[in-house]
PDB file of N, CA and C in Angstrom:
ATOM      1  N   MET A   1      21.263 -15.586   4.926  1.00  0.00           N
ATOM      2  CA  MET A   1      20.118 -16.034   4.333  1.00  0.00           C
ATOM      3  C   MET A   1      19.062 -15.839   5.571  1.00  0.00           C
ATOM      4  N   TRP A   2      19.268 -16.452   6.782  1.00  0.00           N
ATOM      5  CA  TRP A   2      17.958 -16.292   7.730  1.00  0.00           C
ATOM      6  C   TRP A   2      17.615 -14.723   7.807  1.00  0.00           C
ATOM      7  N   ARG A   3      18.496 -13.726   7.722  1.00  0.00           N
ATOM      8  CA  ARG A   3      18.181 -12.119   7.815  1.00  0.00           C
ATOM      9  C   ARG A   3      17.467 -11.733   6.737  1.00  0.00           C
ATOM     10  N   ARG A   4      17.628 -12.424   5.534  1.00  0.00           N
ATOM     11  CA  ARG A   4      16.781 -12.326   4.232  1.00  0.00           C
ATOM     12  C   ARG A   4      15.180 -12.633   4.462  1.00  0.00           C
ATOM     13  N   LEU A   5      15.243 -13.945   5.095  1.00  0.00           N
ATOM     14  CA  LEU A   5      13.739 -14.479   5.533  1.00  0.00           C
ATOM     15  C   LEU A   5      12.911 -13.526   6.407  1.00  0.00           C
ATOM     16  N   GLU A   6      14.006 -13.104   7.364  1.00  0.00           N
ATOM     17  CA  GLU A   6      13.072 -12.251   8.414  1.00  0.00           C
ATOM     18  C   GLU A   6      12.499 -10.800   7.702  1.00  0.00           C
ATOM     19  N   LEU A   7      13.182 -10.513   6.664  1.00  0.00           N
ATOM     20  CA  LEU A   7      12.746  -9.153   5.941  1.00  0.00           C
ATOM     21  C   LEU A   7      11.827  -9.139   4.828  1.00  0.00           C
ATOM     22  N   TYR A   8      11.749 -10.785   4.395  1.00  0.00           N
ATOM     23  CA  TYR A   8      10.921 -10.890   3.374  1.00  0.00           C
ATOM     24  C   TYR A   8       9.347 -10.565   3.454  1.00  0.00           C
ATOM     25  N   GLY A   9       9.115  -9.658   2.538  1.00  0.00           N
ATOM     26  CA  GLY A   9       7.644  -9.099   2.569  1.00  0.00           C
ATOM     27  C   GLY A   9       7.440  -7.692   3.307  1.00  0.00           C
ATOM     28  N   LYS A  10       8.521  -7.318   3.957  1.00  0.00           N
ATOM     29  CA  LYS A  10       8.466  -6.010   4.397  1.00  0.00           C
ATOM     30  C   LYS A  10       8.742  -5.010   3.406  1.00  0.00           C
ATOM     31  N   ASP A  11       8.324  -3.745   3.555  1.00  0.00           N
ATOM     32  CA  ASP A  11       8.526  -2.577   2.845  1.00  0.00           C
ATOM     33  C   ASP A  11       9.695  -1.948   2.934  1.00  0.00           C
ATOM     34  N   LEU A  12      10.994  -2.566   2.712  1.00  0.00           N
ATOM     35  CA  LEU A  12      12.208  -2.020   3.058  1.00  0.00           C
ATOM     36  C   LEU A  12      12.827  -1.656   1.643  1.00  0.00           C
ATOM     37  N   TYR A  13      13.582  -0.745   1.387  1.00  0.00           N
ATOM     38  CA  TYR A  13      14.395  -0.480   0.500  1.00  0.00           C
ATOM     39  C   TYR A  13      15.615   0.199   0.788  1.00  0.00           C
ATOM     40  N   VAL A  14      16.830  -0.299  -0.037  1.00  0.00           N
ATOM     41  CA  VAL A  14      18.039   0.250   0.154  1.00  0.00           C
ATOM     42  C   VAL A  14      18.136   1.223  -0.882  1.00  0.00           C
ATOM     43  N   ASN A  15      18.661   2.282  -0.688  1.00  0.00           N
ATOM     44  CA  ASN A  15      18.967   3.387  -1.388  1.00  0.00           C
ATOM     45  C   ASN A  15      20.657   3.401  -1.931  1.00  0.00           C
ATOM     46  N   GLU A  16      20.963   2.828  -2.919  1.00  0.00           N
ATOM     47  CA  GLU A  16      22.300   2.644  -3.169  1.00  0.00           C
ATOM     48  C   GLU A  16      22.881   3.793  -3.849  1.00  0.00           C
ATOM     49  N   SER A  17      23.974   4.316  -3.640  1.00  0.00           N
ATOM     50  CA  SER A  17      24.597   5.437  -4.155  1.00  0.00           C
ATOM     51  C   SER A  17      25.101   5.027  -5.677  1.00  0.00           C
ATOM     52  N   LEU A  18      24.370   5.803  -6.490  1.00  0.00           N
ATOM     53  CA  LEU A  18      24.793   5.464  -7.949  1.00  0.00           C
ATOM     54  C   LEU A  18      25.480   6.938  -8.464  1.00  0.00           C
ATOM     55  N   THR A  19      26.206   6.645  -9.648  1.00  0.00           N
ATOM     56  CA  THR A  19      26.815   8.042 -10.217  1.00  0.00           C
ATOM     57  C   THR A  19      25.578   8.605 -10.766  1.00  0.00           C
ATOM     58  N   PRO A  20      25.916  10.067 -11.225  1.00  0.00           N
ATOM     59  CA  PRO A  20      24.844  10.769 -11.862  1.00  0.00           C
ATOM     60  C   PRO A  20      24.242   9.955 -13.252  1.00  0.00           C
ATOM     61  N   LEU A  21      25.164   9.493 -13.782  1.00  0.00           N
ATOM     62  CA  LEU A  21      24.728   8.696 -15.427  1.00  0.00           C
ATOM     63  C   LEU A  21      23.916   7.570 -15.054  1.00  0.00           C
ATOM     64  N   ARG A  22      24.371   6.595 -13.780  1.00  0.00           N
ATOM     65  CA  ARG A  22      23.591   5.603 -13.541  1.00  0.00           C
ATOM     66  C   ARG A  22      22.443   5.810 -12.815  1.00  0.00           C
ATOM     67  N   GLY A  23      22.442   6.812 -12.026  1.00  0.00           N
ATOM     68  CA  GLY A  23      20.996   7.172 -11.384  1.00  0.00           C
ATOM     69  C   GLY A  23      20.062   7.799 -12.701  1.00  0.00           C
ATOM     70  N   LYS A  24      20.447   8.283 -13.664  1.00  0.00           N
ATOM     71  CA  LYS A  24      19.394   8.805 -14.664  1.00  0.00           C
ATOM     72  C   LYS A  24      19.153   7.499 -15.397  1.00  0.00           C
ATOM     73  N   ILE A  25      19.833   6.585 -15.717  1.00  0.00           N
ATOM     74  CA  ILE A  25      19.689   5.408 -16.366  1.00  0.00           C
ATOM     75  C   ILE A  25      18.447   4.799 -15.536  1.00  0.00           C
ATOM     76  N   TYR A  26      18.842   4.362 -14.253  1.00  0.00           N
ATOM     77  CA  TYR A  26      18.021   3.782 -13.284  1.00  0.00           C
ATOM     78  C   TYR A  26      16.325   4.478 -13.341  1.00  0.00           C
ATOM     79  N   ARG A  27      16.529   5.459 -13.193  1.00  0.00           N
ATOM     80  CA  ARG A  27      15.185   6.259 -12.976  1.00  0.00           C
ATOM     81  C   ARG A  27      14.537   6.126 -14.532  1.00  0.00           C
ATOM     82  N   SER A  28      15.309   6.112 -15.546  1.00  0.00           N
ATOM     83  CA  SER A  28      14.651   5.695 -16.895  1.00  0.00           C
ATOM     84  C   SER A  28      13.862   4.554 -16.911  1.00  0.00           C
ATOM     85  N   LEU A  29      14.648   3.614 -16.532  1.00  0.00           N
ATOM     86  CA  LEU A  29      14.229   2.076 -16.479  1.00  0.00           C
ATOM     87  C   LEU A  29      13.276   1.947 -15.577  1.00  0.00           C
ATOM     88  N   LEU A  30      13.222   2.689 -14.584  1.00  0.00           N
ATOM     89  CA  LEU A  30      12.088   2.637 -13.345  1.00  0.00           C
ATOM     90  C   LEU A  30      10.691   3.028 -14.175  1.00  0.00           C
ATOM     91  N   ASN A  31      10.815   4.227 -15.091  1.00  0.00           N
ATOM     92  CA  ASN A  31       9.678   4.701 -15.858  1.00  0.00           C
ATOM     93  C   ASN A  31       9.114   3.541 -16.674  1.00  0.00           C
ATOM     94  N   ALA A  32      10.123   2.834 -17.495  1.00  0.00           N
ATOM     95  CA  ALA A  32       9.541   1.990 -18.156  1.00  0.00           C
ATOM     96  C   ALA A  32       8.942   0.988 -17.321  1.00  0.00           C
ATOM     97  N   ARG A  33       9.383   0.748 -16.294  1.00  0.00           N
ATOM     98  CA  ARG A  33       8.830  -0.413 -15.621  1.00  0.00           C
ATOM     99  C   ARG A  33       7.362  -0.156 -15.071  1.00  0.00           C
ATOM    100  N   ARG A  34       7.187   1.069 -14.796  1.00  0.00           N
ATOM    101  CA  ARG A  34       5.933   1.578 -14.521  1.00  0.00           C
ATOM    102  C   ARG A  34       4.977   1.523 -15.768  1.00  0.00           C
ATOM    103  N   GLU A  35       5.590   1.802 -16.935  1.00  0.00           N
ATOM    104  CA  GLU A  35       4.797   1.702 -18.014  1.00  0.00           C
ATOM    105  C   GLU A  35       4.618   0.042 -18.465  1.00  0.00           C
ATOM    106  N   LYS A  36       4.863  -0.754 -17.756  1.00  0.00           N
ATOM    107  CA  LYS A  36       4.820  -2.301 -18.074  1.00  0.00           C
ATOM    108  C   LYS A  36       5.708  -2.735 -19.191  1.00  0.00           C
ATOM    109  N   LYS A  37       6.701  -2.068 -19.517  1.00  0.00           N
ATOM    110  CA  LYS A  37       7.648  -2.466 -20.506  1.00  0.00           C
ATOM    111  C   LYS A  37       8.634  -3.356 -20.128  1.00  0.00           C
ATOM    112  N   LEU A  38       9.123  -3.371 -18.641  1.00  0.00           N
ATOM    113  CA  LEU A  38       9.821  -4.280 -18.108  1.00  0.00           C
ATOM    114  C   LEU A  38       9.252  -4.828 -16.995  1.00  0.00           C
ATOM    115  N   HIS A  39       9.828  -6.125 -16.642  1.00  0.00           N
ATOM    116  CA  HIS A  39       9.476  -6.611 -15.543  1.00  0.00           C
ATOM    117  C   HIS A  39      10.009  -6.373 -14.270  1.00  0.00           C
ATOM    118  N   THR A  40      11.395  -5.940 -14.017  1.00  0.00           N
ATOM    119  CA  THR A  40      11.976  -5.340 -12.858  1.00  0.00           C
ATOM    120  C   THR A  40      13.016  -4.803 -13.253  1.00  0.00           C
ATOM    121  N   VAL A  41      13.539  -4.005 -12.269  1.00  0.00           N
ATOM    122  CA  VAL A  41      14.787  -3.034 -12.185  1.00  0.00           C
ATOM    123  C   VAL A  41      15.371  -3.207 -10.996  1.00  0.00           C
ATOM    124  N   PHE A  42      16.700  -3.220 -10.939  1.00  0.00           N
ATOM    125  CA  PHE A  42      17.323  -3.260  -9.537  1.00  0.00           C
ATOM    126  C   PHE A  42      18.777  -2.881  -9.693  1.00  0.00           C
ATOM    127  N   THR A  43      19.799  -2.512  -8.745  1.00  0.00           N
ATOM    128  CA  THR A  43      20.972  -2.243  -8.786  1.00  0.00           C
ATOM    129  C   THR A  43      21.693  -3.231  -7.774  1.00  0.00           C
ATOM    130  N   ARG A  44      22.897  -3.403  -7.917  1.00  0.00           N
ATOM    131  CA  ARG A  44      23.677  -4.377  -7.217  1.00  0.00           C
ATOM    132  C   ARG A  44      25.067  -3.752  -7.536  1.00  0.00           C
ATOM    133  N   GLY A  45      25.861  -3.575  -6.236  1.00  0.00           N
ATOM    134  CA  GLY A  45      27.363  -2.954  -6.400  1.00  0.00           C
ATOM    135  C   GLY A  45      27.385  -1.883  -7.352  1.00  0.00           C
ATOM    136  N   GLY A  46      26.579  -1.130  -7.512  1.00  0.00           N
ATOM    137  CA  GLY A  46      26.644   0.366  -8.143  1.00  0.00           C
ATOM    138  C   GLY A  46      26.374  -0.030  -9.705  1.00  0.00           C
ATOM    139  N   GLN A  47      25.983  -1.207 -10.054  1.00  0.00           N
ATOM    140  CA  GLN A  47      25.588  -1.339 -11.567  1.00  0.00           C
ATOM    141  C   GLN A  47      23.968  -1.429 -11.569  1.00  0.00           C
ATOM    142  N   VAL A  48      23.474  -1.050 -12.863  1.00  0.00           N
ATOM    143  CA  VAL A  48      21.962  -1.157 -12.836  1.00  0.00           C
ATOM    144  C   VAL A  48      21.719  -2.341 -13.838  1.00  0.00           C
ATOM    145  N   PHE A  49      20.674  -3.170 -13.453  1.00  0.00           N
ATOM    146  CA  PHE A  49      20.214  -4.392 -14.103  1.00  0.00           C
ATOM    147  C   PHE A  49      18.660  -4.148 -14.289  1.00  0.00           C
ATOM    148  N   TYR A  50      18.258  -4.936 -15.259  1.00  0.00           N
ATOM    149  CA  TYR A  50      16.762  -5.118 -15.518  1.00  0.00           C
ATOM    150  C   TYR A  50      16.279  -6.460 -16.063  1.00  0.00           C
ATOM    151  N   LYS A  51      15.245  -6.787 -16.103  1.00  0.00           N
ATOM    152  CA  LYS A  51      14.837  -8.204 -16.501  1.00  0.00           C
ATOM    153  C   LYS A  51      13.642  -7.841 -17.565  1.00  0.00           C
ATOM    154  N   PRO A  52      13.570  -8.074 -18.546  1.00  0.00           N
ATOM    155  CA  PRO A  52      12.536  -7.624 -19.736  1.00  0.00           C
ATOM    156  C   PRO A  52      11.319  -8.379 -19.167  1.00  0.00           C
ATOM    157  N   GLU A  53      11.235  -9.666 -18.876  1.00  0.00           N
ATOM    158  CA  GLU A  53      10.171 -10.610 -18.627  1.00  0.00           C
ATOM    159  C   GLU A  53      10.338 -11.122 -17.096  1.00  0.00           C
ATOM    160  N   LYS A  54       9.649 -11.897 -16.787  1.00  0.00           N
ATOM    161  CA  LYS A  54       9.618 -12.428 -15.375  1.00  0.00           C
ATOM    162  C   LYS A  54      10.748 -13.502 -15.315  1.00  0.00           C
ATOM    163  N   PHE A  55      10.732 -14.511 -16.219  1.00  0.00           N
ATOM    164  CA  PHE A  55      11.881 -15.355 -16.021  1.00  0.00           C
ATOM    165  C   PHE A  55      13.012 -15.307 -16.945  1.00  0.00           C
ATOM    166  N   ALA A  56      13.275 -14.213 -17.442  1.00  0.00           N
ATOM    167  CA  ALA A  56      14.437 -13.903 -18.297  1.00  0.00           C
ATOM    168  C   ALA A  56      15.631 -13.495 -17.481  1.00  0.00           C
ATOM    169  N   ALA A  57      16.772 -13.703 -18.094  1.00  0.00           N
ATOM    170  CA  ALA A  57      17.993 -13.508 -17.342  1.00  0.00           C
ATOM    171  C   ALA A  57      18.133 -11.991 -17.181  1.00  0.00           C
ATOM    172  N   SER A  58      18.812 -11.593 -16.128  1.00  0.00           N
ATOM    173  CA  SER A  58      19.216 -10.201 -16.056  1.00  0.00           C
ATOM    174  C   SER A  58      19.933  -9.767 -16.712  1.00  0.00           C
ATOM    175  N   VAL A  59      19.913  -8.338 -16.999  1.00  0.00           N
ATOM    176  CA  VAL A  59      20.661  -7.562 -18.251  1.00  0.00           C
ATOM    177  C   VAL A  59      21.451  -6.355 -17.481  1.00  0.00           C
ATOM    178  N   ARG A  60      22.610  -6.612 -17.486  1.00  0.00           N
ATOM    179  CA  ARG A  60      23.536  -5.422 -16.973  1.00  0.00           C
ATOM    180  C   ARG A  60      23.467  -4.206 -17.864  1.00  0.00           C
ATOM    181  N   VAL A  61      23.065  -2.969 -17.540  1.00  0.00           N
ATOM    182  CA  VAL A  61      23.232  -1.852 -18.294  1.00  0.00           C
ATOM    183  C   VAL A  61      24.604  -1.193 -18.331  1.00  0.00           C
ATOM    184  N   MET A  62      25.112  -1.031 -19.457  1.00  0.00           N
ATOM    185  CA  MET A  62      26.524  -0.442 -19.375  1.00  0.00           C
ATOM    186  C   MET A  62      26.313   0.919 -19.628  1.00  0.00           C
ATOM    187  N   ASN A  63      27.322   1.815 -18.830  1.00  0.00           N
ATOM    188  CA  ASN A  63      27.450   3.249 -19.163  1.00  0.00           C
ATOM    189  C   ASN A  63      27.427   3.580 -20.676  1.00  0.00           C
ATOM    190  N   GLY A  64      26.775   4.559 -21.025  1.00  0.00           N
ATOM    191  CA  GLY A  64      26.956   4.848 -22.480  1.00  0.00           C
ATOM    192  C   GLY A  64      25.834   3.974 -23.163  1.00  0.00           C
ATOM    193  N   HIS A  65      25.411   2.699 -23.066  1.00  0.00           N
ATOM    194  CA  HIS A  65      24.487   2.227 -23.798  1.00  0.00           C
ATOM    195  C   HIS A  65      23.097   2.418 -23.292  1.00  0.00           C
ATOM    196  N   GLN A  66      22.539   3.364 -24.208  1.00  0.00           N
ATOM    197  CA  GLN A  66      21.051   3.721 -23.685  1.00  0.00           C
ATOM    198  C   GLN A  66      20.004   3.247 -24.655  1.00  0.00           C
ATOM    199  N   GLN A  67      20.250   2.045 -25.280  1.00  0.00           N
ATOM    200  CA  GLN A  67      19.333   1.522 -26.298  1.00  0.00           C
ATOM    201  C   GLN A  67      18.365   0.571 -25.810  1.00  0.00           C
ATOM    202  N   PHE A  68      18.232   0.718 -24.223  1.00  0.00           N
ATOM    203  CA  PHE A  68      17.379  -0.051 -23.736  1.00  0.00           C
ATOM    204  C   PHE A  68      15.917   0.337 -23.759  1.00  0.00           C
ATOM    205  N   CYS A  69      14.748  -0.548 -23.894  1.00  0.00           N
ATOM    206  CA  CYS A  69      13.523  -0.236 -23.884  1.00  0.00           C
ATOM    207  C   CYS A  69      13.025   0.889 -24.935  1.00  0.00           C
ATOM    208  N   GLY A  70      13.894   1.171 -25.961  1.00  0.00           N
ATOM    209  CA  GLY A  70      13.472   2.202 -26.820  1.00  0.00           C
ATOM    210  C   GLY A  70      13.710   3.524 -26.312  1.00  0.00           C
ATOM    211  N   HIS A  71      14.472   3.543 -25.143  1.00  0.00           N
ATOM    212  CA  HIS A  71      14.450   5.025 -24.578  1.00  0.00           C
ATOM    213  C   HIS A  71      15.927   5.458 -24.952  1.00  0.00           C
ATOM    214  N   ASN A  72      16.049   6.681 -25.320  1.00  0.00           N
ATOM    215  CA  ASN A  72      17.201   7.304 -25.952  1.00  0.00           C
ATOM    216  C   ASN A  72      17.436   8.645 -25.129  1.00  0.00           C
ATOM    217  N   SER A  73      17.052   8.728 -23.949  1.00  0.00           N
ATOM    218  CA  SER A  73      17.284   9.869 -22.983  1.00  0.00           C
ATOM    219  C   SER A  73      18.709   9.942 -22.377  1.00  0.00           C
TER     220      SER A  73
END
């Protein structure tokens, strides 16, 4: 926890290795976030997650499930 506090507010981004499919899903969700359709997008343990609203629960995107945010790419 202490290390997390040291890094808080720093512009540090960890680039996690994703499969090609999950990378495509992640980029699609990032575009939706830029268009203000989502609150946040993140990865953890090779899985892709998003939050549609600030206080909403995180949603894990399953491989092959591409019906998030109206994107069908």
